Structures are given as structure tokens and as C-alpha cells.
Amino acid sequence: MDSSHIRDLEIKVAVVTVSTTRNRDTDISGKTILEMTAEKNLETVFYEIVPDDPDKIKNTFFKASGPANCIIFNGGTGLTHDDCTIEAIKPLFEKSIDGFGELFRMKSYEEIGTRSLLSRAAAGIFEGKAVFCIPGSTGAVKLAMKEIILPEIRHILTHASG
């Protein structure tokens, strides 16, 4: 990969788990994101669990966007009646990263088949910051982090913040 157009910038991560049932002890997906970012020496500056409520999700987004330039939401991206992360966050995107959701579903299809179409994973840019909304299952979190977010975050932020 040609890295000549990728800046050496500090990546500060916010992790938000959207769940009405999880807490800090049972949030395996949130912990997985924290561990995977730490393995790449990325600083986590915000971590919170928020219930499936659009106003609370938006409020948490604005709190997280202060210190962080990479905000990762996990959970609330499916099709159930209480899944509302996409409805709360996607309207805030100044630019959408359509390829993220497409690539995530493609890679997910390789693992779980046609069930991947139930995912509404999305990503976008807000004030030069990268925002990712991924499913809350631990498998989906590992896939998104390992295959897409961690390899591309510096590249995304170079373009988004430049």
C-alpha cells in the first residue's frame, strides 16, 4: 500500500455500546473493541453504554465527539423494533462512507451467508471525525475491526481531517 498520502496523526477512539441489557461486566463486544484498539496502540478516550433510545444515542455521540476522532458504535443496527442507532447517527453524517457498509456486508456474507443482509452497518464523517455503526455481536465487531476499521482508520482520518 502506498502510504505517502497518509498522515501520522493521533487517533483517539470512542466506543459506544448501544444496548438496553448490557453493562460494563457483560459488554463483551465493547471490551473487544477496547482490546483491539489497545493492541494497535490507539488511545481510547471515551467508553459508554447507552440504551436503545435515539435522543440518548445522539447525546452520547456529541459527548464522544469532543475528545475522539474515531467513534465506534456497536449495537442497534439491526431490524428489530428497538434498533435505532442508524436513525440516530446517520443523519449527523456530513459525508457517508457507503463502501464501509457494502464491504462489511460482503465480508459478513462470507461468514454467515444471506443473514448478512439484516445488517445496516454504516459509516460517515462528522466534523473531520470518522464514525462507524456496527452490529453488536462479538463476531461482527471482530470482523469490522480487523478487516476494515483498524486497517483503514488512519487513511480515512487523513482524508476526513485534511
N, C-alpha and C. Protein backbone atom coordinates (compact mmCIF):
# COMPACT_ATOMS: atom_id res chain seq x y z
N MET A 1 0.84 -1.18 0.00
CA MET A 1 0.00 0.00 0.00
C MET A 1 0.88 1.24 0.00
N ASP A 2 0.56 2.19 -0.82
CA ASP A 2 1.27 3.46 -0.86
C ASP A 2 0.82 4.31 0.31
N SER A 3 1.70 4.54 1.25
CA SER A 3 1.33 5.31 2.45
C SER A 3 1.82 6.75 2.38
N SER A 4 2.25 7.21 1.21
CA SER A 4 2.79 8.55 1.10
C SER A 4 1.72 9.62 1.33
N HIS A 5 0.46 9.28 1.17
CA HIS A 5 -0.59 10.27 1.37
C HIS A 5 -1.35 10.03 2.68
N ILE A 6 -0.76 9.26 3.59
CA ILE A 6 -1.38 9.02 4.89
C ILE A 6 -0.57 9.75 5.95
N ARG A 7 -1.23 10.66 6.66
CA ARG A 7 -0.56 11.46 7.68
C ARG A 7 -0.37 10.67 8.97
N ASP A 8 0.67 11.02 9.68
CA ASP A 8 0.90 10.46 11.01
C ASP A 8 0.11 11.31 11.99
N LEU A 9 -1.09 10.88 12.29
CA LEU A 9 -1.93 11.66 13.20
C LEU A 9 -2.34 10.81 14.39
N GLU A 10 -2.69 11.48 15.45
CA GLU A 10 -3.09 10.80 16.67
C GLU A 10 -4.54 10.34 16.54
N ILE A 11 -4.77 9.07 16.79
CA ILE A 11 -6.12 8.52 16.71
C ILE A 11 -6.64 8.34 18.13
N LYS A 12 -7.76 9.00 18.40
CA LYS A 12 -8.39 8.92 19.72
C LYS A 12 -9.77 8.29 19.52
N VAL A 13 -9.96 7.16 20.17
CA VAL A 13 -11.13 6.33 19.93
C VAL A 13 -12.19 6.50 21.03
N ALA A 14 -13.44 6.56 20.58
CA ALA A 14 -14.59 6.49 21.49
C ALA A 14 -15.34 5.22 21.14
N VAL A 15 -15.74 4.49 22.17
CA VAL A 15 -16.51 3.26 21.99
C VAL A 15 -17.86 3.45 22.69
N VAL A 16 -18.92 3.26 21.92
CA VAL A 16 -20.26 3.37 22.47
C VAL A 16 -21.01 2.08 22.17
N THR A 17 -21.43 1.41 23.21
CA THR A 17 -22.25 0.21 23.06
C THR A 17 -23.71 0.63 23.24
N VAL A 18 -24.52 0.28 22.25
CA VAL A 18 -25.95 0.59 22.32
C VAL A 18 -26.67 -0.69 22.73
N SER A 19 -27.19 -0.69 23.95
CA SER A 19 -27.87 -1.87 24.47
C SER A 19 -28.67 -1.50 25.70
N THR A 20 -29.84 -2.09 25.81
CA THR A 20 -30.66 -1.89 27.00
C THR A 20 -30.35 -2.94 28.05
N THR A 21 -29.65 -4.01 27.64
CA THR A 21 -29.42 -5.13 28.57
C THR A 21 -27.97 -5.26 29.04
N ARG A 22 -27.02 -4.70 28.32
CA ARG A 22 -25.61 -4.88 28.70
C ARG A 22 -25.16 -3.85 29.72
N ASN A 23 -24.17 -4.26 30.51
CA ASN A 23 -23.50 -3.33 31.42
C ASN A 23 -21.99 -3.55 31.24
N ARG A 24 -21.17 -2.85 32.00
CA ARG A 24 -19.72 -2.94 31.80
C ARG A 24 -19.17 -4.36 32.02
N ASP A 25 -19.85 -5.15 32.83
CA ASP A 25 -19.40 -6.53 33.05
C ASP A 25 -19.80 -7.45 31.91
N THR A 26 -20.92 -7.19 31.27
CA THR A 26 -21.43 -8.11 30.23
C THR A 26 -21.22 -7.59 28.81
N ASP A 27 -20.59 -6.45 28.67
CA ASP A 27 -20.37 -5.86 27.34
C ASP A 27 -19.13 -6.44 26.67
N ILE A 28 -19.25 -7.67 26.20
CA ILE A 28 -18.12 -8.35 25.58
C ILE A 28 -17.71 -7.66 24.28
N SER A 29 -18.68 -7.19 23.50
CA SER A 29 -18.35 -6.53 22.23
C SER A 29 -17.61 -5.22 22.46
N GLY A 30 -18.07 -4.43 23.41
CA GLY A 30 -17.37 -3.18 23.73
C GLY A 30 -15.96 -3.45 24.21
N LYS A 31 -15.81 -4.46 25.07
CA LYS A 31 -14.47 -4.83 25.56
C LYS A 31 -13.58 -5.31 24.42
N THR A 32 -14.17 -6.01 23.46
CA THR A 32 -13.40 -6.49 22.31
C THR A 32 -12.86 -5.32 21.51
N ILE A 33 -13.68 -4.30 21.30
CA ILE A 33 -13.21 -3.10 20.58
C ILE A 33 -12.09 -2.44 21.36
N LEU A 34 -12.27 -2.29 22.67
CA LEU A 34 -11.24 -1.67 23.50
C LEU A 34 -9.92 -2.45 23.43
N GLU A 35 -10.01 -3.77 23.49
CA GLU A 35 -8.80 -4.61 23.41
C GLU A 35 -8.12 -4.49 22.05
N MET A 36 -8.93 -4.52 20.99
CA MET A 36 -8.35 -4.48 19.64
C MET A 36 -7.71 -3.13 19.34
N THR A 37 -8.29 -2.06 19.84
CA THR A 37 -7.67 -0.74 19.63
C THR A 37 -6.40 -0.61 20.47
N ALA A 38 -6.42 -1.15 21.68
CA ALA A 38 -5.23 -1.10 22.53
C ALA A 38 -4.08 -1.89 21.90
N GLU A 39 -4.39 -3.02 21.27
CA GLU A 39 -3.35 -3.82 20.60
C GLU A 39 -2.67 -3.03 19.49
N LYS A 40 -3.38 -2.07 18.89
CA LYS A 40 -2.82 -1.23 17.83
C LYS A 40 -2.29 0.10 18.38
N ASN A 41 -2.18 0.19 19.72
CA ASN A 41 -1.68 1.38 20.40
C ASN A 41 -2.51 2.63 20.10
N LEU A 42 -3.82 2.44 19.96
CA LEU A 42 -4.71 3.58 19.78
C LEU A 42 -5.31 3.93 21.14
N GLU A 43 -5.37 5.20 21.44
CA GLU A 43 -5.85 5.65 22.73
C GLU A 43 -7.38 5.69 22.76
N THR A 44 -7.96 5.06 23.78
CA THR A 44 -9.40 5.15 23.99
C THR A 44 -9.65 6.31 24.95
N VAL A 45 -10.45 7.27 24.51
CA VAL A 45 -10.70 8.46 25.31
C VAL A 45 -12.14 8.53 25.83
N PHE A 46 -12.97 7.55 25.42
CA PHE A 46 -14.38 7.58 25.81
C PHE A 46 -14.94 6.17 25.68
N TYR A 47 -15.70 5.75 26.68
CA TYR A 47 -16.41 4.47 26.60
C TYR A 47 -17.70 4.60 27.40
N GLU A 48 -18.80 4.25 26.76
CA GLU A 48 -20.08 4.35 27.44
C GLU A 48 -21.05 3.34 26.86
N ILE A 49 -21.97 2.90 27.70
CA ILE A 49 -23.08 2.06 27.26
C ILE A 49 -24.33 2.90 27.36
N VAL A 50 -25.11 2.91 26.28
CA VAL A 50 -26.30 3.74 26.20
C VAL A 50 -27.47 2.88 25.75
N PRO A 51 -28.66 3.11 26.29
CA PRO A 51 -29.82 2.31 25.88
C PRO A 51 -30.29 2.65 24.47
N ASP A 52 -31.10 1.77 23.92
CA ASP A 52 -31.67 1.96 22.57
C ASP A 52 -32.70 3.08 22.60
N ASP A 53 -32.20 4.30 22.59
CA ASP A 53 -33.06 5.48 22.64
C ASP A 53 -32.39 6.55 21.77
N PRO A 54 -33.05 6.98 20.69
CA PRO A 54 -32.40 7.91 19.74
C PRO A 54 -31.82 9.17 20.39
N ASP A 55 -32.54 9.78 21.32
CA ASP A 55 -32.04 11.01 21.95
C ASP A 55 -30.80 10.73 22.81
N LYS A 56 -30.82 9.62 23.54
CA LYS A 56 -29.66 9.28 24.38
C LYS A 56 -28.46 8.91 23.50
N ILE A 57 -28.73 8.24 22.39
CA ILE A 57 -27.64 7.89 21.46
C ILE A 57 -27.03 9.16 20.89
N LYS A 58 -27.86 10.10 20.45
CA LYS A 58 -27.34 11.37 19.90
C LYS A 58 -26.56 12.14 20.95
N ASN A 59 -27.09 12.24 22.16
CA ASN A 59 -26.39 12.96 23.23
C ASN A 59 -25.03 12.33 23.51
N THR A 60 -24.98 11.01 23.53
CA THR A 60 -23.72 10.31 23.76
C THR A 60 -22.76 10.54 22.60
N PHE A 61 -23.30 10.56 21.39
CA PHE A 61 -22.47 10.86 20.21
C PHE A 61 -21.78 12.21 20.37
N PHE A 62 -22.52 13.23 20.76
CA PHE A 62 -21.92 14.57 20.89
C PHE A 62 -20.90 14.61 22.03
N LYS A 63 -21.16 13.88 23.12
CA LYS A 63 -20.17 13.80 24.20
C LYS A 63 -18.90 13.11 23.71
N ALA A 64 -19.05 12.04 22.96
CA ALA A 64 -17.90 11.28 22.47
C ALA A 64 -17.12 12.04 21.41
N SER A 65 -17.81 12.84 20.61
CA SER A 65 -17.14 13.53 19.50
C SER A 65 -16.25 14.66 19.97
N GLY A 66 -16.38 15.07 21.21
CA GLY A 66 -15.49 16.09 21.74
C GLY A 66 -14.05 15.61 21.78
N PRO A 67 -13.76 14.57 22.56
CA PRO A 67 -12.37 14.12 22.68
C PRO A 67 -11.89 13.16 21.59
N ALA A 68 -12.82 12.54 20.85
CA ALA A 68 -12.43 11.47 19.92
C ALA A 68 -12.48 11.91 18.46
N ASN A 69 -11.65 11.28 17.64
CA ASN A 69 -11.75 11.49 16.19
C ASN A 69 -12.13 10.20 15.47
N CYS A 70 -12.35 9.13 16.22
CA CYS A 70 -12.84 7.86 15.69
C CYS A 70 -13.88 7.35 16.69
N ILE A 71 -15.14 7.35 16.28
CA ILE A 71 -16.23 6.97 17.17
C ILE A 71 -16.84 5.68 16.64
N ILE A 72 -16.85 4.66 17.48
CA ILE A 72 -17.35 3.35 17.07
C ILE A 72 -18.57 2.99 17.92
N PHE A 73 -19.73 2.95 17.27
CA PHE A 73 -20.95 2.49 17.91
C PHE A 73 -21.10 1.01 17.60
N ASN A 74 -21.42 0.21 18.60
CA ASN A 74 -21.75 -1.18 18.34
C ASN A 74 -23.11 -1.48 18.96
N GLY A 75 -23.96 -2.10 18.14
CA GLY A 75 -25.31 -2.43 18.58
C GLY A 75 -26.34 -1.48 18.00
N GLY A 76 -27.57 -1.98 17.92
CA GLY A 76 -28.68 -1.15 17.45
C GLY A 76 -28.74 -0.94 15.96
N THR A 77 -28.07 -1.79 15.19
CA THR A 77 -28.02 -1.59 13.73
C THR A 77 -28.88 -2.58 12.96
N GLY A 78 -29.61 -3.40 13.67
CA GLY A 78 -30.40 -4.44 13.01
C GLY A 78 -31.79 -3.96 12.62
N LEU A 79 -32.72 -4.90 12.54
CA LEU A 79 -34.06 -4.61 12.06
C LEU A 79 -35.15 -4.73 13.12
N THR A 80 -34.78 -4.99 14.37
CA THR A 80 -35.82 -5.12 15.38
C THR A 80 -36.43 -3.76 15.70
N HIS A 81 -37.56 -3.77 16.36
CA HIS A 81 -38.28 -2.52 16.65
C HIS A 81 -37.47 -1.53 17.49
N ASP A 82 -36.54 -2.03 18.30
CA ASP A 82 -35.78 -1.11 19.15
C ASP A 82 -34.41 -0.73 18.58
N ASP A 83 -34.02 -1.28 17.44
CA ASP A 83 -32.75 -0.91 16.80
C ASP A 83 -32.86 0.49 16.20
N CYS A 84 -32.14 1.44 16.77
CA CYS A 84 -32.30 2.83 16.32
C CYS A 84 -30.98 3.59 16.19
N THR A 85 -29.85 2.90 16.25
CA THR A 85 -28.56 3.58 16.13
C THR A 85 -28.44 4.29 14.78
N ILE A 86 -28.80 3.61 13.71
CA ILE A 86 -28.68 4.20 12.38
C ILE A 86 -29.57 5.44 12.26
N GLU A 87 -30.80 5.35 12.74
CA GLU A 87 -31.71 6.50 12.66
C GLU A 87 -31.19 7.69 13.46
N ALA A 88 -30.50 7.42 14.57
CA ALA A 88 -29.99 8.50 15.42
C ALA A 88 -28.71 9.12 14.85
N ILE A 89 -27.83 8.30 14.28
CA ILE A 89 -26.49 8.76 13.91
C ILE A 89 -26.35 9.14 12.44
N LYS A 90 -26.92 8.37 11.54
CA LYS A 90 -26.70 8.61 10.11
C LYS A 90 -27.09 10.02 9.66
N PRO A 91 -28.17 10.61 10.18
CA PRO A 91 -28.49 11.99 9.76
C PRO A 91 -27.42 13.02 10.15
N LEU A 92 -26.53 12.67 11.07
CA LEU A 92 -25.48 13.59 11.50
C LEU A 92 -24.26 13.57 10.58
N PHE A 93 -24.19 12.55 9.72
CA PHE A 93 -23.04 12.45 8.81
C PHE A 93 -23.02 13.62 7.84
N GLU A 94 -21.87 14.27 7.72
CA GLU A 94 -21.68 15.29 6.69
C GLU A 94 -21.36 14.62 5.36
N LYS A 95 -20.68 13.48 5.46
CA LYS A 95 -20.40 12.65 4.30
C LYS A 95 -20.57 11.21 4.74
N SER A 96 -21.14 10.41 3.86
CA SER A 96 -21.33 9.00 4.14
C SER A 96 -20.18 8.20 3.52
N ILE A 97 -19.74 7.17 4.21
CA ILE A 97 -18.73 6.27 3.66
C ILE A 97 -19.49 5.00 3.24
N ASP A 98 -20.16 5.08 2.11
CA ASP A 98 -21.03 3.99 1.66
C ASP A 98 -20.29 2.66 1.53
N GLY A 99 -19.05 2.71 1.08
CA GLY A 99 -18.28 1.49 0.89
C GLY A 99 -18.09 0.70 2.17
N PHE A 100 -18.12 1.35 3.32
CA PHE A 100 -17.95 0.64 4.58
C PHE A 100 -19.06 -0.39 4.77
N GLY A 101 -20.31 0.05 4.67
CA GLY A 101 -21.43 -0.87 4.85
C GLY A 101 -21.44 -1.96 3.80
N GLU A 102 -21.13 -1.57 2.56
CA GLU A 102 -21.10 -2.54 1.48
C GLU A 102 -20.04 -3.60 1.73
N LEU A 103 -18.84 -3.16 2.10
CA LEU A 103 -17.73 -4.09 2.34
C LEU A 103 -18.00 -4.95 3.57
N PHE A 104 -18.56 -4.34 4.61
CA PHE A 104 -18.87 -5.10 5.81
C PHE A 104 -19.86 -6.22 5.50
N ARG A 105 -20.91 -5.90 4.76
CA ARG A 105 -21.91 -6.92 4.43
C ARG A 105 -21.31 -8.01 3.52
N MET A 106 -20.42 -7.62 2.61
CA MET A 106 -19.78 -8.60 1.75
C MET A 106 -18.92 -9.56 2.58
N LYS A 107 -18.10 -9.01 3.47
CA LYS A 107 -17.25 -9.85 4.31
C LYS A 107 -18.10 -10.68 5.28
N SER A 108 -19.17 -10.10 5.74
CA SER A 108 -20.09 -10.80 6.63
C SER A 108 -20.77 -11.95 5.90
N TYR A 109 -21.11 -11.73 4.65
CA TYR A 109 -21.72 -12.77 3.83
C TYR A 109 -20.82 -13.99 3.74
N GLU A 110 -19.52 -13.75 3.64
CA GLU A 110 -18.56 -14.85 3.57
C GLU A 110 -18.58 -15.70 4.84
N GLU A 111 -18.97 -15.08 5.96
CA GLU A 111 -19.00 -15.81 7.24
C GLU A 111 -20.37 -16.36 7.59
N ILE A 112 -21.44 -15.58 7.33
CA ILE A 112 -22.77 -16.00 7.81
C ILE A 112 -23.81 -16.13 6.71
N GLY A 113 -23.41 -15.94 5.48
CA GLY A 113 -24.34 -16.10 4.36
C GLY A 113 -25.33 -14.96 4.25
N THR A 114 -26.51 -15.30 3.77
CA THR A 114 -27.50 -14.26 3.47
C THR A 114 -28.05 -13.55 4.69
N ARG A 115 -27.81 -14.06 5.88
CA ARG A 115 -28.22 -13.33 7.09
C ARG A 115 -27.55 -11.96 7.17
N SER A 116 -26.46 -11.78 6.43
CA SER A 116 -25.73 -10.50 6.44
C SER A 116 -26.59 -9.35 5.93
N LEU A 117 -27.63 -9.64 5.17
CA LEU A 117 -28.45 -8.55 4.64
C LEU A 117 -29.26 -7.86 5.73
N LEU A 118 -29.35 -8.45 6.91
CA LEU A 118 -30.06 -7.81 8.01
C LEU A 118 -29.25 -6.69 8.66
N SER A 119 -27.97 -6.60 8.33
CA SER A 119 -27.11 -5.58 8.92
C SER A 119 -27.27 -4.25 8.19
N ARG A 120 -27.41 -3.20 8.97
CA ARG A 120 -27.44 -1.85 8.40
C ARG A 120 -26.17 -1.08 8.79
N ALA A 121 -25.07 -1.80 8.93
CA ALA A 121 -23.80 -1.17 9.29
C ALA A 121 -23.56 0.04 8.38
N ALA A 122 -23.05 1.11 8.99
CA ALA A 122 -22.85 2.36 8.24
C ALA A 122 -21.66 3.11 8.82
N ALA A 123 -21.13 4.01 8.02
CA ALA A 123 -20.03 4.87 8.49
C ALA A 123 -20.13 6.21 7.78
N GLY A 124 -19.56 7.21 8.42
CA GLY A 124 -19.57 8.54 7.82
C GLY A 124 -18.59 9.45 8.53
N ILE A 125 -18.60 10.69 8.08
CA ILE A 125 -17.71 11.72 8.62
C ILE A 125 -18.55 12.79 9.29
N PHE A 126 -18.10 13.23 10.45
CA PHE A 126 -18.72 14.33 11.19
C PHE A 126 -17.60 15.22 11.70
N GLU A 127 -17.55 16.46 11.22
CA GLU A 127 -16.54 17.43 11.64
C GLU A 127 -15.12 16.85 11.59
N GLY A 128 -14.81 16.16 10.50
CA GLY A 128 -13.48 15.60 10.30
C GLY A 128 -13.19 14.35 11.09
N LYS A 129 -14.22 13.80 11.74
CA LYS A 129 -14.06 12.59 12.55
C LYS A 129 -14.75 11.43 11.86
N ALA A 130 -14.19 10.23 12.03
CA ALA A 130 -14.78 9.03 11.45
C ALA A 130 -15.75 8.40 12.44
N VAL A 131 -16.93 8.04 11.95
CA VAL A 131 -17.97 7.46 12.78
C VAL A 131 -18.39 6.13 12.16
N PHE A 132 -18.38 5.08 12.97
CA PHE A 132 -18.75 3.75 12.49
C PHE A 132 -19.90 3.23 13.33
N CYS A 133 -20.89 2.64 12.68
CA CYS A 133 -22.01 2.00 13.36
C CYS A 133 -22.01 0.54 12.92
N ILE A 134 -21.70 -0.35 13.85
CA ILE A 134 -21.56 -1.76 13.52
C ILE A 134 -22.48 -2.60 14.41
N PRO A 135 -22.80 -3.81 13.96
CA PRO A 135 -23.63 -4.68 14.80
C PRO A 135 -22.95 -4.97 16.14
N GLY A 136 -23.76 -5.35 17.10
CA GLY A 136 -23.25 -5.58 18.45
C GLY A 136 -22.76 -6.98 18.74
N SER A 137 -22.91 -7.91 17.81
CA SER A 137 -22.41 -9.26 18.09
C SER A 137 -20.88 -9.23 18.10
N THR A 138 -20.29 -10.05 18.92
CA THR A 138 -18.83 -10.07 19.04
C THR A 138 -18.19 -10.47 17.72
N GLY A 139 -18.79 -11.40 17.00
CA GLY A 139 -18.26 -11.80 15.70
C GLY A 139 -18.24 -10.65 14.71
N ALA A 140 -19.32 -9.89 14.68
CA ALA A 140 -19.40 -8.74 13.77
C ALA A 140 -18.40 -7.67 14.15
N VAL A 141 -18.24 -7.45 15.45
CA VAL A 141 -17.27 -6.47 15.94
C VAL A 141 -15.86 -6.86 15.51
N LYS A 142 -15.49 -8.11 15.72
CA LYS A 142 -14.15 -8.57 15.34
C LYS A 142 -13.93 -8.42 13.84
N LEU A 143 -14.94 -8.77 13.05
CA LEU A 143 -14.84 -8.66 11.59
C LEU A 143 -14.63 -7.21 11.17
N ALA A 144 -15.49 -6.33 11.65
CA ALA A 144 -15.40 -4.91 11.27
C ALA A 144 -14.08 -4.29 11.70
N MET A 145 -13.65 -4.59 12.91
CA MET A 145 -12.42 -4.01 13.43
C MET A 145 -11.20 -4.54 12.69
N LYS A 146 -11.10 -5.86 12.58
CA LYS A 146 -9.90 -6.48 12.00
C LYS A 146 -9.79 -6.24 10.50
N GLU A 147 -10.90 -6.36 9.81
CA GLU A 147 -10.87 -6.34 8.35
C GLU A 147 -11.01 -4.95 7.73
N ILE A 148 -11.64 -4.01 8.46
CA ILE A 148 -11.93 -2.72 7.83
C ILE A 148 -11.45 -1.53 8.67
N ILE A 149 -11.96 -1.40 9.87
CA ILE A 149 -11.72 -0.17 10.65
C ILE A 149 -10.24 0.01 10.99
N LEU A 150 -9.64 -0.98 11.63
CA LEU A 150 -8.23 -0.81 12.04
C LEU A 150 -7.27 -0.64 10.86
N PRO A 151 -7.43 -1.40 9.78
CA PRO A 151 -6.51 -1.18 8.66
C PRO A 151 -6.70 0.16 7.95
N GLU A 152 -7.89 0.75 8.02
CA GLU A 152 -8.17 1.95 7.23
C GLU A 152 -8.36 3.24 8.02
N ILE A 153 -8.39 3.18 9.36
CA ILE A 153 -8.75 4.38 10.12
C ILE A 153 -7.79 5.55 9.86
N ARG A 154 -6.52 5.32 9.82
CA ARG A 154 -5.56 6.42 9.59
C ARG A 154 -5.78 7.02 8.20
N HIS A 155 -6.02 6.18 7.22
CA HIS A 155 -6.28 6.64 5.84
C HIS A 155 -7.56 7.48 5.80
N ILE A 156 -8.61 6.98 6.44
CA ILE A 156 -9.89 7.70 6.47
C ILE A 156 -9.71 9.07 7.13
N LEU A 157 -9.05 9.07 8.29
CA LEU A 157 -8.88 10.34 9.03
C LEU A 157 -7.97 11.32 8.28
N THR A 158 -7.00 10.81 7.56
CA THR A 158 -6.14 11.68 6.75
C THR A 158 -6.98 12.46 5.76
N HIS A 159 -7.90 11.76 5.10
CA HIS A 159 -8.75 12.45 4.11
C HIS A 159 -9.83 13.29 4.77
N ALA A 160 -10.41 12.78 5.85
CA ALA A 160 -11.53 13.48 6.51
C ALA A 160 -11.08 14.76 7.21
N SER A 161 -9.89 14.74 7.75
CA SER A 161 -9.43 15.89 8.55
C SER A 161 -8.52 16.83 7.77
N GLY A 162 -8.28 16.50 6.51
CA GLY A 162 -7.36 17.31 5.71
C GLY A 162 -8.08 18.36 4.97
